[in-house]
Amino acid sequence: MKKNLNRLLSFLFIWHLIVAGSCKSDKPDPVPDPVTPFAKGADISWLSEMQTAGKKFYNSSGTEQDCITILKNLGMNAIRLRVWVDPLAGWNGTADVLTKAIRAKNAGMRIMIDFHYSDTWADPGQQTKPAAWSALDLAGLQTAVYNHTFDVLTTLKNNGIIPEWVQVGNETNDGMLWPTGKASASMANFASLVKQGYNAVKAVSSQIKVIVHLSNGFDNNLYRWIFDGLVANGANWDVIGMSLYPEPTDWSTRNTQMLYNINDLISRYAREIMITEVGMSWDQPAACQSFLTDLISKMKAVPGNKVLGVFYWEPQSWGNWQGYTKGAFDNTGKPTAALNAFN
């Protein structure tokens, strides 16, 4: 009896090993997801307007090329495009954004969309309501933000483009859609508008990462004030966006200050970071290259791959285009050495 029992137990043990082995071979160990590549990008929202005005672009050898091709060959992998509601001349309106987004997608570039919620520039000094929204109260503005965000992104989606990132507001240091959404007057109002933008983005695709963007990436007090206020008022976001425009003489200090700010923000809010705008005077290419090389190195070294990338603002702007002097192309339409930092 005991002998038969021992044989049965031995048989069961061997059978267990066979079954376990076969199960393991049928289901291999999971392979970790690959790390998403660091975004090295450019906001090129002026591109279509510049080309219509006759501006041409040349690679470092002086050969005329498509601007996006030049940037891609310099190591960039992403494009950022701003959206205005009813721009006077049409530039940066939905149709213009779609045209540029299609070009970017066809070039194999990742895409960020930047909603200004204005008919013109929105930045720390101006957050003007679109003319069509000027008489709206808070509830009306909430609806308008949702519908505008949803409609633009749906237009892109219907044309095969789902952006990887979307900014809900541009450099919203003191909120947006003033005076109703001015953060210093009512953080709750500003937060409610951010909520509507966030909800609209996620309604188009839950995979899109929503960015809330401020300027002066070195200013820890500013970032704590805004994001503490958003948390207190129930707003949500995925990524903290930052701008940084140092001088050739202080870029090292500013990079260090921003790194401190970033580490504090990650610890405080458990969110990712994106440097959505950088720039420096076009005629200081050596200093700009040093600034960008140091910045990109610092950002890549932040633990946990929490910094998603760095975007140069309108690098292709040249010839004093609209008075902007912080591009990274020279006066012959060729990229300067500054952009070598993206290789």
C-alpha atoms as a PDB file:
ATOM      1  CA  MET A   1       0.000   0.000   0.000  1.00  0.00           C
ATOM      2  CA  LYS A   2       2.751   2.407   1.016  1.00  0.00           C
ATOM      3  CA  LYS A   3       4.742   1.445  -2.090  1.00  0.00           C
ATOM      4  CA  ASN A   4       1.786   2.216  -4.339  1.00  0.00           C
ATOM      5  CA  LEU A   5       1.269   5.561  -2.596  1.00  0.00           C
ATOM      6  CA  ASN A   6       4.896   6.537  -3.156  1.00  0.00           C
ATOM      7  CA  ARG A   7       4.607   5.671  -6.856  1.00  0.00           C
ATOM      8  CA  LEU A   8       1.469   7.817  -7.124  1.00  0.00           C
ATOM      9  CA  LEU A   9       3.142  10.775  -5.436  1.00  0.00           C
ATOM     10  CA  SER A  10       6.189  10.459  -7.711  1.00  0.00           C
ATOM     11  CA  PHE A  11       3.945  10.361 -10.769  1.00  0.00           C
ATOM     12  CA  LEU A  12       2.027  13.462  -9.635  1.00  0.00           C
ATOM     13  CA  PHE A  13       5.277  15.373  -8.968  1.00  0.00           C
ATOM     14  CA  ILE A  14       6.665  14.547 -12.436  1.00  0.00           C
ATOM     15  CA  TRP A  15       3.341  15.466 -14.041  1.00  0.00           C
ATOM     16  CA  HIS A  16       3.397  18.827 -12.235  1.00  0.00           C
ATOM     17  CA  LEU A  17       6.857  19.576 -13.622  1.00  0.00           C
ATOM     18  CA  ILE A  18       5.773  18.695 -17.158  1.00  0.00           C
ATOM     19  CA  VAL A  19       2.647  20.874 -16.988  1.00  0.00           C
ATOM     20  CA  ALA A  20       4.524  23.776 -15.409  1.00  0.00           C
ATOM     21  CA  GLY A  21       7.216  23.555 -18.060  1.00  0.00           C
ATOM     22  CA  SER A  22       4.736  23.466 -20.917  1.00  0.00           C
ATOM     23  CA  CYS A  23       2.811  26.429 -19.483  1.00  0.00           C
ATOM     24  CA  LYS A  24       5.986  28.434 -19.198  1.00  0.00           C
ATOM     25  CA  SER A  25       6.965  27.757 -22.807  1.00  0.00           C
ATOM     26  CA  ASP A  26       3.495  28.777 -24.007  1.00  0.00           C
ATOM     27  CA  LYS A  27       3.648  32.118 -22.151  1.00  0.00           C
ATOM     28  CA  PRO A  28       7.118  33.671 -22.266  1.00  0.00           C
ATOM     29  CA  ASP A  29       8.211  36.212 -19.695  1.00  0.00           C
ATOM     30  CA  PRO A  30       6.817  39.679 -20.525  1.00  0.00           C
ATOM     31  CA  VAL A  31       9.134  42.097 -22.306  1.00  0.00           C
ATOM     32  CA  PRO A  32       9.258  45.574 -20.691  1.00  0.00           C
ATOM     33  CA  ASP A  33       7.803  48.405 -22.773  1.00  0.00           C
ATOM     34  CA  PRO A  34      10.493  50.363 -24.598  1.00  0.00           C
ATOM     35  CA  VAL A  35      11.295  53.808 -23.196  1.00  0.00           C
ATOM     36  CA  THR A  36       9.627  56.499 -25.291  1.00  0.00           C
ATOM     37  CA  PRO A  37      12.338  58.472 -27.096  1.00  0.00           C
ATOM     38  CA  PHE A  38      13.214  61.893 -25.712  1.00  0.00           C
ATOM     39  CA  ALA A  39      11.321  64.513 -27.724  1.00  0.00           C
ATOM     40  CA  LYS A  40      13.612  66.929 -29.534  1.00  0.00           C
ATOM     41  CA  GLY A  41      11.326  69.365 -31.242  1.00  0.00           C
ATOM     42  CA  ALA A  42      10.508  72.759 -32.666  1.00  0.00           C
ATOM     43  CA  ASP A  43       7.499  75.030 -32.768  1.00  0.00           C
ATOM     44  CA  ILE A  44       7.270  75.969 -36.455  1.00  0.00           C
ATOM     45  CA  SER A  45       3.867  77.663 -36.433  1.00  0.00           C
ATOM     46  CA  TRP A  46       5.126  80.523 -38.621  1.00  0.00           C
ATOM     47  CA  LEU A  47       6.236  78.140 -41.366  1.00  0.00           C
ATOM     48  CA  SER A  48       3.272  78.352 -43.767  1.00  0.00           C
ATOM     49  CA  GLU A  49       3.068  82.121 -43.417  1.00  0.00           C
ATOM     50  CA  MET A  50       6.810  82.502 -44.023  1.00  0.00           C
ATOM     51  CA  GLN A  51       6.672  80.325 -47.130  1.00  0.00           C
ATOM     52  CA  THR A  52       3.713  82.266 -48.504  1.00  0.00           C
ATOM     53  CA  ALA A  53       5.789  85.425 -48.042  1.00  0.00           C
ATOM     54  CA  GLY A  54       8.569  83.859 -50.134  1.00  0.00           C
ATOM     55  CA  LYS A  55      10.951  82.718 -47.412  1.00  0.00           C
ATOM     56  CA  LYS A  56      13.106  79.737 -48.353  1.00  0.00           C
ATOM     57  CA  PHE A  57      15.162  77.389 -46.216  1.00  0.00           C
ATOM     58  CA  TYR A  58      18.557  75.829 -46.820  1.00  0.00           C
ATOM     59  CA  ASN A  59      20.531  73.068 -45.166  1.00  0.00           C
ATOM     60  CA  SER A  60      24.023  73.667 -43.799  1.00  0.00           C
ATOM     61  CA  SER A  61      25.504  73.013 -47.253  1.00  0.00           C
ATOM     62  CA  GLY A  62      23.364  75.742 -48.799  1.00  0.00           C
ATOM     63  CA  THR A  63      20.982  73.408 -50.639  1.00  0.00           C
ATOM     64  CA  GLU A  64      17.333  74.482 -50.571  1.00  0.00           C
ATOM     65  CA  GLN A  65      15.202  71.929 -48.704  1.00  0.00           C
ATOM     66  CA  ASP A  66      11.877  71.533 -46.988  1.00  0.00           C
ATOM     67  CA  CYS A  67      12.162  73.125 -43.551  1.00  0.00           C
ATOM     68  CA  ILE A  68      10.840  70.098 -41.684  1.00  0.00           C
ATOM     69  CA  THR A  69      13.339  67.883 -43.509  1.00  0.00           C
ATOM     70  CA  ILE A  70      16.168  70.179 -42.434  1.00  0.00           C
ATOM     71  CA  LEU A  71      15.064  70.022 -38.799  1.00  0.00           C
ATOM     72  CA  LYS A  72      14.635  66.247 -38.927  1.00  0.00           C
ATOM     73  CA  ASN A  73      18.117  65.809 -40.368  1.00  0.00           C
ATOM     74  CA  LEU A  74      19.421  67.900 -37.468  1.00  0.00           C
ATOM     75  CA  GLY A  75      18.034  65.343 -35.023  1.00  0.00           C
ATOM     76  CA  MET A  76      14.557  66.684 -34.289  1.00  0.00           C
ATOM     77  CA  ASN A  77      11.653  64.260 -34.002  1.00  0.00           C
ATOM     78  CA  ALA A  78       8.695  66.416 -32.987  1.00  0.00           C
ATOM     79  CA  ILE A  79       6.742  69.491 -34.124  1.00  0.00           C
ATOM     80  CA  ARG A  80       4.645  71.921 -32.040  1.00  0.00           C
ATOM     81  CA  LEU A  81       1.822  74.000 -33.575  1.00  0.00           C
ATOM     82  CA  ARG A  82      -0.188  76.805 -31.959  1.00  0.00           C
ATOM     83  CA  VAL A  83      -3.932  77.235 -32.467  1.00  0.00           C
ATOM     84  CA  TRP A  84      -5.818  80.530 -32.514  1.00  0.00           C
ATOM     85  CA  VAL A  85      -9.614  80.665 -32.538  1.00  0.00           C
ATOM     86  CA  ASP A  86     -10.496  83.170 -35.305  1.00  0.00           C
ATOM     87  CA  PRO A  87      -7.204  84.716 -36.441  1.00  0.00           C
ATOM     88  CA  LEU A  88      -7.578  87.768 -38.646  1.00  0.00           C
ATOM     89  CA  ALA A  89      -5.498  86.450 -41.553  1.00  0.00           C
ATOM     90  CA  GLY A  90      -6.202  82.754 -41.004  1.00  0.00           C
ATOM     91  CA  TRP A  91      -2.701  81.798 -39.881  1.00  0.00           C
ATOM     92  CA  ASN A  92      -2.796  79.380 -36.950  1.00  0.00           C
ATOM     93  CA  GLY A  93      -6.505  78.777 -37.463  1.00  0.00           C
ATOM     94  CA  THR A  94      -7.816  75.242 -37.759  1.00  0.00           C
ATOM     95  CA  ALA A  95      -7.243  74.881 -41.515  1.00  0.00           C
ATOM     96  CA  ASP A  96      -3.668  76.188 -41.321  1.00  0.00           C
ATOM     97  CA  VAL A  97      -2.878  73.969 -38.338  1.00  0.00           C
ATOM     98  CA  LEU A  98      -4.241  70.930 -40.173  1.00  0.00           C
ATOM     99  CA  THR A  99      -2.070  71.653 -43.227  1.00  0.00           C
ATOM    100  CA  LYS A 100       1.090  71.895 -41.118  1.00  0.00           C
ATOM    101  CA  ALA A 101       0.153  68.879 -39.001  1.00  0.00           C
ATOM    102  CA  ILE A 102      -0.258  66.742 -42.122  1.00  0.00           C
ATOM    103  CA  ARG A 103       3.190  67.839 -43.293  1.00  0.00           C
ATOM    104  CA  ALA A 104       4.663  66.974 -39.905  1.00  0.00           C
ATOM    105  CA  LYS A 105       2.983  63.575 -39.793  1.00  0.00           C
ATOM    106  CA  ASN A 106       4.106  62.748 -43.347  1.00  0.00           C
ATOM    107  CA  ALA A 107       7.661  63.565 -42.262  1.00  0.00           C
ATOM    108  CA  GLY A 108       7.370  61.056 -39.415  1.00  0.00           C
ATOM    109  CA  MET A 109       7.347  63.695 -36.694  1.00  0.00           C
ATOM    110  CA  ARG A 110       5.535  63.521 -33.365  1.00  0.00           C
ATOM    111  CA  ILE A 111       3.040  66.351 -32.812  1.00  0.00           C
ATOM    112  CA  MET A 112       2.149  68.784 -30.025  1.00  0.00           C
ATOM    113  CA  ILE A 113      -0.847  71.134 -30.309  1.00  0.00           C
ATOM    114  CA  ASP A 114      -0.831  74.390 -28.335  1.00  0.00           C
ATOM    115  CA  PHE A 115      -4.227  76.023 -27.698  1.00  0.00           C
ATOM    116  CA  HIS A 116      -3.958  79.766 -26.974  1.00  0.00           C
ATOM    117  CA  TYR A 117      -7.739  80.279 -26.567  1.00  0.00           C
ATOM    118  CA  SER A 118      -7.403  83.652 -28.254  1.00  0.00           C
ATOM    119  CA  ASP A 119      -7.527  85.134 -31.751  1.00  0.00           C
ATOM    120  CA  THR A 120      -3.896  86.192 -31.331  1.00  0.00           C
ATOM    121  CA  TRP A 121      -0.933  85.757 -28.994  1.00  0.00           C
ATOM    122  CA  ALA A 122      -1.608  84.538 -25.470  1.00  0.00           C
ATOM    123  CA  ASP A 123       1.308  84.885 -23.041  1.00  0.00           C
ATOM    124  CA  PRO A 124       2.033  86.191 -19.519  1.00  0.00           C
ATOM    125  CA  GLY A 125       1.226  89.748 -20.588  1.00  0.00           C
ATOM    126  CA  GLN A 126      -1.979  89.101 -22.540  1.00  0.00           C
ATOM    127  CA  GLN A 127      -4.690  86.488 -22.431  1.00  0.00           C
ATOM    128  CA  THR A 128      -7.368  88.157 -24.541  1.00  0.00           C
ATOM    129  CA  LYS A 129     -10.682  86.419 -25.134  1.00  0.00           C
ATOM    130  CA  PRO A 130     -11.527  85.621 -28.764  1.00  0.00           C
ATOM    131  CA  ALA A 131     -13.875  88.218 -30.193  1.00  0.00           C
ATOM    132  CA  ALA A 132     -16.641  85.633 -30.558  1.00  0.00           C
ATOM    133  CA  TRP A 133     -16.339  84.779 -26.847  1.00  0.00           C
ATOM    134  CA  SER A 134     -16.033  88.322 -25.486  1.00  0.00           C
ATOM    135  CA  ALA A 135     -19.545  88.522 -24.018  1.00  0.00           C
ATOM    136  CA  LEU A 136     -19.584  85.028 -22.524  1.00  0.00           C
ATOM    137  CA  ASP A 137     -19.832  84.443 -18.791  1.00  0.00           C
ATOM    138  CA  LEU A 138     -17.866  81.708 -17.035  1.00  0.00           C
ATOM    139  CA  ALA A 139     -20.309  78.958 -17.981  1.00  0.00           C
ATOM    140  CA  GLY A 140     -20.264  80.120 -21.592  1.00  0.00           C
ATOM    141  CA  LEU A 141     -16.465  80.184 -21.643  1.00  0.00           C
ATOM    142  CA  GLN A 142     -16.315  76.677 -20.201  1.00  0.00           C
ATOM    143  CA  THR A 143     -18.512  75.442 -23.040  1.00  0.00           C
ATOM    144  CA  ALA A 144     -16.530  77.397 -25.637  1.00  0.00           C
ATOM    145  CA  VAL A 145     -13.191  76.007 -24.409  1.00  0.00           C
ATOM    146  CA  TYR A 146     -14.548  72.474 -24.501  1.00  0.00           C
ATOM    147  CA  ASN A 147     -16.122  72.790 -27.949  1.00  0.00           C
ATOM    148  CA  HIS A 148     -13.153  74.575 -29.564  1.00  0.00           C
ATOM    149  CA  THR A 149     -10.671  72.054 -28.170  1.00  0.00           C
ATOM    150  CA  PHE A 150     -12.816  69.092 -29.139  1.00  0.00           C
ATOM    151  CA  ASP A 151     -13.588  70.417 -32.638  1.00  0.00           C
ATOM    152  CA  VAL A 152      -9.975  71.186 -33.593  1.00  0.00           C
ATOM    153  CA  LEU A 153      -8.684  67.861 -32.318  1.00  0.00           C
ATOM    154  CA  THR A 154     -11.547  65.998 -33.988  1.00  0.00           C
ATOM    155  CA  THR A 155     -10.658  67.663 -37.294  1.00  0.00           C
ATOM    156  CA  LEU A 156      -7.100  66.433 -36.869  1.00  0.00           C
ATOM    157  CA  LYS A 157      -8.270  62.956 -35.841  1.00  0.00           C
ATOM    158  CA  ASN A 158     -10.565  62.699 -38.863  1.00  0.00           C
ATOM    159  CA  ASN A 159      -7.491  63.347 -41.000  1.00  0.00           C
ATOM    160  CA  GLY A 160      -5.477  60.605 -39.324  1.00  0.00           C
ATOM    161  CA  ILE A 161      -3.639  62.782 -36.796  1.00  0.00           C
ATOM    162  CA  ILE A 162      -3.804  62.232 -33.051  1.00  0.00           C
ATOM    163  CA  PRO A 163      -1.292  64.525 -31.306  1.00  0.00           C
ATOM    164  CA  GLU A 164       0.899  63.044 -28.619  1.00  0.00           C
ATOM    165  CA  TRP A 165       0.567  66.136 -26.429  1.00  0.00           C
ATOM    166  CA  VAL A 166      -1.902  69.030 -26.188  1.00  0.00           C
ATOM    167  CA  GLN A 167      -1.419  72.272 -24.289  1.00  0.00           C
ATOM    168  CA  VAL A 168      -4.498  73.683 -22.580  1.00  0.00           C
ATOM    169  CA  GLY A 169      -3.445  77.337 -22.663  1.00  0.00           C
ATOM    170  CA  ASN A 170      -0.168  79.045 -23.496  1.00  0.00           C
ATOM    171  CA  GLU A 171       2.110  80.514 -20.809  1.00  0.00           C
ATOM    172  CA  THR A 172      -0.761  80.746 -18.354  1.00  0.00           C
ATOM    173  CA  ASN A 173       1.284  82.365 -15.567  1.00  0.00           C
ATOM    174  CA  ASP A 174      -1.859  84.210 -14.422  1.00  0.00           C
ATOM    175  CA  GLY A 175      -4.542  82.074 -15.984  1.00  0.00           C
ATOM    176  CA  MET A 176      -6.254  82.645 -19.350  1.00  0.00           C
ATOM    177  CA  LEU A 177      -9.295  84.246 -20.961  1.00  0.00           C
ATOM    178  CA  TRP A 178      -8.952  87.429 -18.920  1.00  0.00           C
ATOM    179  CA  PRO A 179     -10.550  88.829 -16.892  1.00  0.00           C
ATOM    180  CA  THR A 180     -12.855  85.870 -16.215  1.00  0.00           C
ATOM    181  CA  GLY A 181     -10.121  83.238 -16.035  1.00  0.00           C
ATOM    182  CA  LYS A 182      -7.404  85.389 -14.478  1.00  0.00           C
ATOM    183  CA  ALA A 183      -5.839  83.226 -11.782  1.00  0.00           C
ATOM    184  CA  SER A 184      -4.956  86.102  -9.443  1.00  0.00           C
ATOM    185  CA  ALA A 185      -8.612  87.178  -9.508  1.00  0.00           C
ATOM    186  CA  SER A 186     -10.135  83.690  -9.316  1.00  0.00           C
ATOM    187  CA  MET A 187      -8.022  80.560  -9.312  1.00  0.00           C
ATOM    188  CA  ALA A 188     -11.278  78.573  -9.238  1.00  0.00           C
ATOM    189  CA  ASN A 189     -12.367  80.108 -12.556  1.00  0.00           C
ATOM    190  CA  PHE A 190      -9.013  79.341 -14.172  1.00  0.00           C
ATOM    191  CA  ALA A 191      -9.106  75.770 -12.863  1.00  0.00           C
ATOM    192  CA  SER A 192     -12.614  75.276 -14.251  1.00  0.00           C
ATOM    193  CA  LEU A 193     -11.409  76.280 -17.729  1.00  0.00           C
ATOM    194  CA  VAL A 194      -8.435  73.922 -17.499  1.00  0.00           C
ATOM    195  CA  LYS A 195     -10.871  71.142 -16.561  1.00  0.00           C
ATOM    196  CA  GLN A 196     -12.922  71.758 -19.696  1.00  0.00           C
ATOM    197  CA  GLY A 197      -9.862  71.721 -21.929  1.00  0.00           C
ATOM    198  CA  TYR A 198      -8.616  68.539 -20.267  1.00  0.00           C
ATOM    199  CA  ASN A 199     -11.987  66.813 -20.624  1.00  0.00           C
ATOM    200  CA  ALA A 200     -12.253  67.765 -24.294  1.00  0.00           C
ATOM    201  CA  VAL A 201      -8.785  66.397 -25.074  1.00  0.00           C
ATOM    202  CA  LYS A 202      -9.512  63.106 -23.324  1.00  0.00           C
ATOM    203  CA  ALA A 203     -12.874  62.840 -25.133  1.00  0.00           C
ATOM    204  CA  VAL A 204     -10.970  62.787 -28.430  1.00  0.00           C
ATOM    205  CA  SER A 205      -8.288  60.370 -27.183  1.00  0.00           C
ATOM    206  CA  SER A 206      -7.482  59.226 -23.679  1.00  0.00           C
ATOM    207  CA  GLN A 207      -3.898  58.612 -24.853  1.00  0.00           C
ATOM    208  CA  ILE A 208      -3.122  62.309 -25.453  1.00  0.00           C
ATOM    209  CA  LYS A 209      -1.110  63.894 -22.641  1.00  0.00           C
ATOM    210  CA  VAL A 210      -2.485  67.254 -21.473  1.00  0.00           C
ATOM    211  CA  ILE A 211       0.005  70.019 -20.677  1.00  0.00           C
ATOM    212  CA  VAL A 212      -0.470  73.111 -18.510  1.00  0.00           C
ATOM    213  CA  HIS A 213       2.228  75.550 -19.600  1.00  0.00           C
ATOM    214  CA  LEU A 214       3.923  78.455 -17.806  1.00  0.00           C
ATOM    215  CA  SER A 215       6.882  80.646 -18.728  1.00  0.00           C
ATOM    216  CA  ASN A 216      10.006  81.363 -16.626  1.00  0.00           C
ATOM    217  CA  GLY A 217      10.872  77.753 -15.899  1.00  0.00           C
ATOM    218  CA  PHE A 218      13.336  78.869 -13.228  1.00  0.00           C
ATOM    219  CA  ASP A 219      10.628  80.479 -11.032  1.00  0.00           C
ATOM    220  CA  ASN A 220       9.676  77.896  -8.408  1.00  0.00           C
ATOM    221  CA  ASN A 221       7.324  80.254  -6.565  1.00  0.00           C
ATOM    222  CA  LEU A 222       5.279  80.860  -9.714  1.00  0.00           C
ATOM    223  CA  TYR A 223       4.908  77.156 -10.466  1.00  0.00           C
ATOM    224  CA  ARG A 224       3.960  76.264  -6.901  1.00  0.00           C
ATOM    225  CA  TRP A 225       1.336  79.016  -6.835  1.00  0.00           C
ATOM    226  CA  ILE A 226      -0.347  77.962 -10.073  1.00  0.00           C
ATOM    227  CA  PHE A 227      -0.217  74.203  -9.573  1.00  0.00           C
ATOM    228  CA  ASP A 228      -1.142  74.320  -5.883  1.00  0.00           C
ATOM    229  CA  GLY A 229      -4.115  76.402  -6.989  1.00  0.00           C
ATOM    230  CA  LEU A 230      -5.111  73.927  -9.687  1.00  0.00           C
ATOM    231  CA  VAL A 231      -4.862  71.019  -7.246  1.00  0.00           C
ATOM    232  CA  ALA A 232      -6.925  72.872  -4.636  1.00  0.00           C
ATOM    233  CA  ASN A 233      -9.645  73.502  -7.218  1.00  0.00           C
ATOM    234  CA  GLY A 234      -9.833  69.989  -8.628  1.00  0.00           C
ATOM    235  CA  ALA A 235      -8.174  70.531 -12.019  1.00  0.00           C
ATOM    236  CA  ASN A 236      -6.194  67.763 -13.675  1.00  0.00           C
ATOM    237  CA  TRP A 237      -3.296  67.624 -16.109  1.00  0.00           C
ATOM    238  CA  ASP A 238      -0.633  65.127 -17.182  1.00  0.00           C
ATOM    239  CA  VAL A 239       2.444  67.244 -17.901  1.00  0.00           C
ATOM    240  CA  ILE A 240       3.873  70.524 -16.612  1.00  0.00           C
ATOM    241  CA  GLY A 241       5.080  72.616 -19.551  1.00  0.00           C
ATOM    242  CA  MET A 242       7.859  75.206 -19.217  1.00  0.00           C
ATOM    243  CA  SER A 243       9.452  78.006 -21.230  1.00  0.00           C
ATOM    244  CA  LEU A 244      13.042  79.197 -20.814  1.00  0.00           C
ATOM    245  CA  TYR A 245      14.670  82.098 -22.690  1.00  0.00           C
ATOM    246  CA  PRO A 246      17.995  82.862 -20.994  1.00  0.00           C
ATOM    247  CA  GLU A 247      20.590  85.400 -22.039  1.00  0.00           C
ATOM    248  CA  PRO A 248      23.978  84.289 -23.384  1.00  0.00           C
ATOM    249  CA  THR A 249      25.475  85.436 -20.070  1.00  0.00           C
ATOM    250  CA  ASP A 250      23.156  83.661 -17.610  1.00  0.00           C
ATOM    251  CA  TRP A 251      22.070  80.407 -19.256  1.00  0.00           C
ATOM    252  CA  SER A 252      24.101  78.213 -16.898  1.00  0.00           C
ATOM    253  CA  THR A 253      22.467  79.759 -13.830  1.00  0.00           C
ATOM    254  CA  ARG A 254      19.001  79.513 -15.389  1.00  0.00           C
ATOM    255  CA  ASN A 255      19.500  75.842 -16.303  1.00  0.00           C
ATOM    256  CA  THR A 256      20.517  75.059 -12.742  1.00  0.00           C
ATOM    257  CA  GLN A 257      17.547  76.965 -11.332  1.00  0.00           C
ATOM    258  CA  MET A 258      15.172  75.196 -13.682  1.00  0.00           C
ATOM    259  CA  LEU A 259      16.569  71.793 -12.782  1.00  0.00           C
ATOM    260  CA  TYR A 260      15.933  72.561  -9.109  1.00  0.00           C
ATOM    261  CA  ASN A 261      12.387  73.648  -9.968  1.00  0.00           C
ATOM    262  CA  ILE A 262      11.750  70.507 -12.026  1.00  0.00           C
ATOM    263  CA  ASN A 263      12.893  68.156  -9.274  1.00  0.00           C
ATOM    264  CA  ASP A 264      10.689  69.993  -6.789  1.00  0.00           C
ATOM    265  CA  LEU A 265       7.654  69.873  -9.112  1.00  0.00           C
ATOM    266  CA  ILE A 266       8.052  66.159  -9.811  1.00  0.00           C
ATOM    267  CA  SER A 267       8.264  65.452  -6.088  1.00  0.00           C
ATOM    268  CA  ARG A 268       5.361  67.759  -5.253  1.00  0.00           C
ATOM    269  CA  TYR A 269       2.864  66.875  -8.016  1.00  0.00           C
ATOM    270  CA  ALA A 270       4.052  63.500  -9.398  1.00  0.00           C
ATOM    271  CA  ARG A 271       3.700  64.738 -12.983  1.00  0.00           C
ATOM    272  CA  GLU A 272       5.953  64.614 -16.037  1.00  0.00           C
ATOM    273  CA  ILE A 273       7.694  67.704 -17.394  1.00  0.00           C
ATOM    274  CA  MET A 274       8.059  69.091 -20.931  1.00  0.00           C
ATOM    275  CA  ILE A 275      10.248  72.022 -21.957  1.00  0.00           C
ATOM    276  CA  THR A 276       7.885  73.379 -24.593  1.00  0.00           C
ATOM    277  CA  GLU A 277       9.781  76.557 -25.518  1.00  0.00           C
ATOM    278  CA  VAL A 278      13.420  77.620 -25.507  1.00  0.00           C
ATOM    279  CA  GLY A 279      15.346  80.211 -27.475  1.00  0.00           C
ATOM    280  CA  MET A 280      18.310  82.566 -27.541  1.00  0.00           C
ATOM    281  CA  SER A 281      19.489  85.336 -29.851  1.00  0.00           C
ATOM    282  CA  TRP A 282      20.198  83.928 -33.312  1.00  0.00           C
ATOM    283  CA  ASP A 283      23.563  85.742 -33.527  1.00  0.00           C
ATOM    284  CA  GLN A 284      24.929  83.938 -30.446  1.00  0.00           C
ATOM    285  CA  PRO A 285      25.014  80.405 -31.859  1.00  0.00           C
ATOM    286  CA  ALA A 286      27.958  79.159 -29.774  1.00  0.00           C
ATOM    287  CA  ALA A 287      26.363  80.271 -26.513  1.00  0.00           C
ATOM    288  CA  CYS A 288      23.013  78.875 -27.618  1.00  0.00           C
ATOM    289  CA  GLN A 289      24.550  75.515 -28.523  1.00  0.00           C
ATOM    290  CA  SER A 290      26.212  75.344 -25.099  1.00  0.00           C
ATOM    291  CA  PHE A 291      22.923  76.274 -23.422  1.00  0.00           C
ATOM    292  CA  LEU A 292      20.950  73.637 -25.309  1.00  0.00           C
ATOM    293  CA  THR A 293      23.557  70.904 -24.920  1.00  0.00           C
ATOM    294  CA  ASP A 294      23.680  71.465 -21.164  1.00  0.00           C
ATOM    295  CA  LEU A 295      19.891  71.729 -20.885  1.00  0.00           C
ATOM    296  CA  ILE A 296      19.184  68.544 -22.848  1.00  0.00           C
ATOM    297  CA  SER A 297      21.835  66.665 -20.851  1.00  0.00           C
ATOM    298  CA  LYS A 298      20.347  67.823 -17.550  1.00  0.00           C
ATOM    299  CA  MET A 299      16.819  66.966 -18.636  1.00  0.00           C
ATOM    300  CA  LYS A 300      17.739  63.462 -19.792  1.00  0.00           C
ATOM    301  CA  ALA A 301      19.472  62.822 -16.458  1.00  0.00           C
ATOM    302  CA  VAL A 302      16.390  63.558 -14.342  1.00  0.00           C
ATOM    303  CA  PRO A 303      15.515  60.228 -12.641  1.00  0.00           C
ATOM    304  CA  GLY A 304      12.693  58.136 -14.029  1.00  0.00           C
ATOM    305  CA  ASN A 305      12.631  59.685 -17.516  1.00  0.00           C
ATOM    306  CA  LYS A 306      10.238  62.282 -16.096  1.00  0.00           C
ATOM    307  CA  VAL A 307      11.298  65.026 -18.511  1.00  0.00           C
ATOM    308  CA  LEU A 308       9.767  64.202 -21.877  1.00  0.00           C
ATOM    309  CA  GLY A 309      11.682  66.565 -24.161  1.00  0.00           C
ATOM    310  CA  VAL A 310      12.819  70.025 -25.264  1.00  0.00           C
ATOM    311  CA  PHE A 311      11.271  72.202 -28.008  1.00  0.00           C
ATOM    312  CA  TYR A 312      12.962  75.209 -29.655  1.00  0.00           C
ATOM    313  CA  TRP A 313      10.523  78.027 -30.411  1.00  0.00           C
ATOM    314  CA  GLU A 314      10.447  79.010 -34.115  1.00  0.00           C
ATOM    315  CA  PRO A 315      14.079  78.102 -34.913  1.00  0.00           C
ATOM    316  CA  GLN A 316      13.411  78.526 -38.659  1.00  0.00           C
ATOM    317  CA  SER A 317      12.614  82.224 -38.191  1.00  0.00           C
ATOM    318  CA  TRP A 318      15.261  84.227 -40.001  1.00  0.00           C
ATOM    319  CA  GLY A 319      15.779  87.675 -41.485  1.00  0.00           C
ATOM    320  CA  ASN A 320      14.180  89.429 -38.499  1.00  0.00           C
ATOM    321  CA  TRP A 321      10.840  87.781 -39.293  1.00  0.00           C
ATOM    322  CA  GLN A 322       8.126  89.788 -37.532  1.00  0.00           C
ATOM    323  CA  GLY A 323      10.811  91.276 -35.313  1.00  0.00           C
ATOM    324  CA  TYR A 324      11.688  87.949 -33.703  1.00  0.00           C
ATOM    325  CA  THR A 325      15.422  87.588 -33.056  1.00  0.00           C
ATOM    326  CA  LYS A 326      15.676  84.324 -31.110  1.00  0.00           C
ATOM    327  CA  GLY A 327      15.509  81.883 -33.986  1.00  0.00           C
ATOM    328  CA  ALA A 328      18.329  79.509 -34.882  1.00  0.00           C
ATOM    329  CA  PHE A 329      18.739  80.173 -38.613  1.00  0.00           C
ATOM    330  CA  ASP A 330      21.132  82.797 -39.942  1.00  0.00           C
ATOM    331  CA  ASN A 331      20.355  85.646 -42.330  1.00  0.00           C
ATOM    332  CA  THR A 332      20.890  83.396 -45.357  1.00  0.00           C
ATOM    333  CA  GLY A 333      18.205  80.934 -44.256  1.00  0.00           C
ATOM    334  CA  LYS A 334      20.576  78.231 -42.968  1.00  0.00           C
ATOM    335  CA  PRO A 335      20.568  76.641 -39.495  1.00  0.00           C
ATOM    336  CA  THR A 336      23.200  77.893 -37.088  1.00  0.00           C
ATOM    337  CA  ALA A 337      25.466  75.741 -34.938  1.00  0.00           C
ATOM    338  CA  ALA A 338      22.961  76.139 -32.082  1.00  0.00           C
ATOM    339  CA  LEU A 339      20.822  73.331 -33.494  1.00  0.00           C
ATOM    340  CA  ASN A 340      23.724  70.892 -33.443  1.00  0.00           C
ATOM    341  CA  ALA A 341      22.747  70.345 -29.804  1.00  0.00           C
ATOM    342  CA  PHE A 342      19.758  68.292 -31.011  1.00  0.00           C
ATOM    343  CA  ASN A 343      21.900  65.723 -32.848  1.00  0.00           C
END
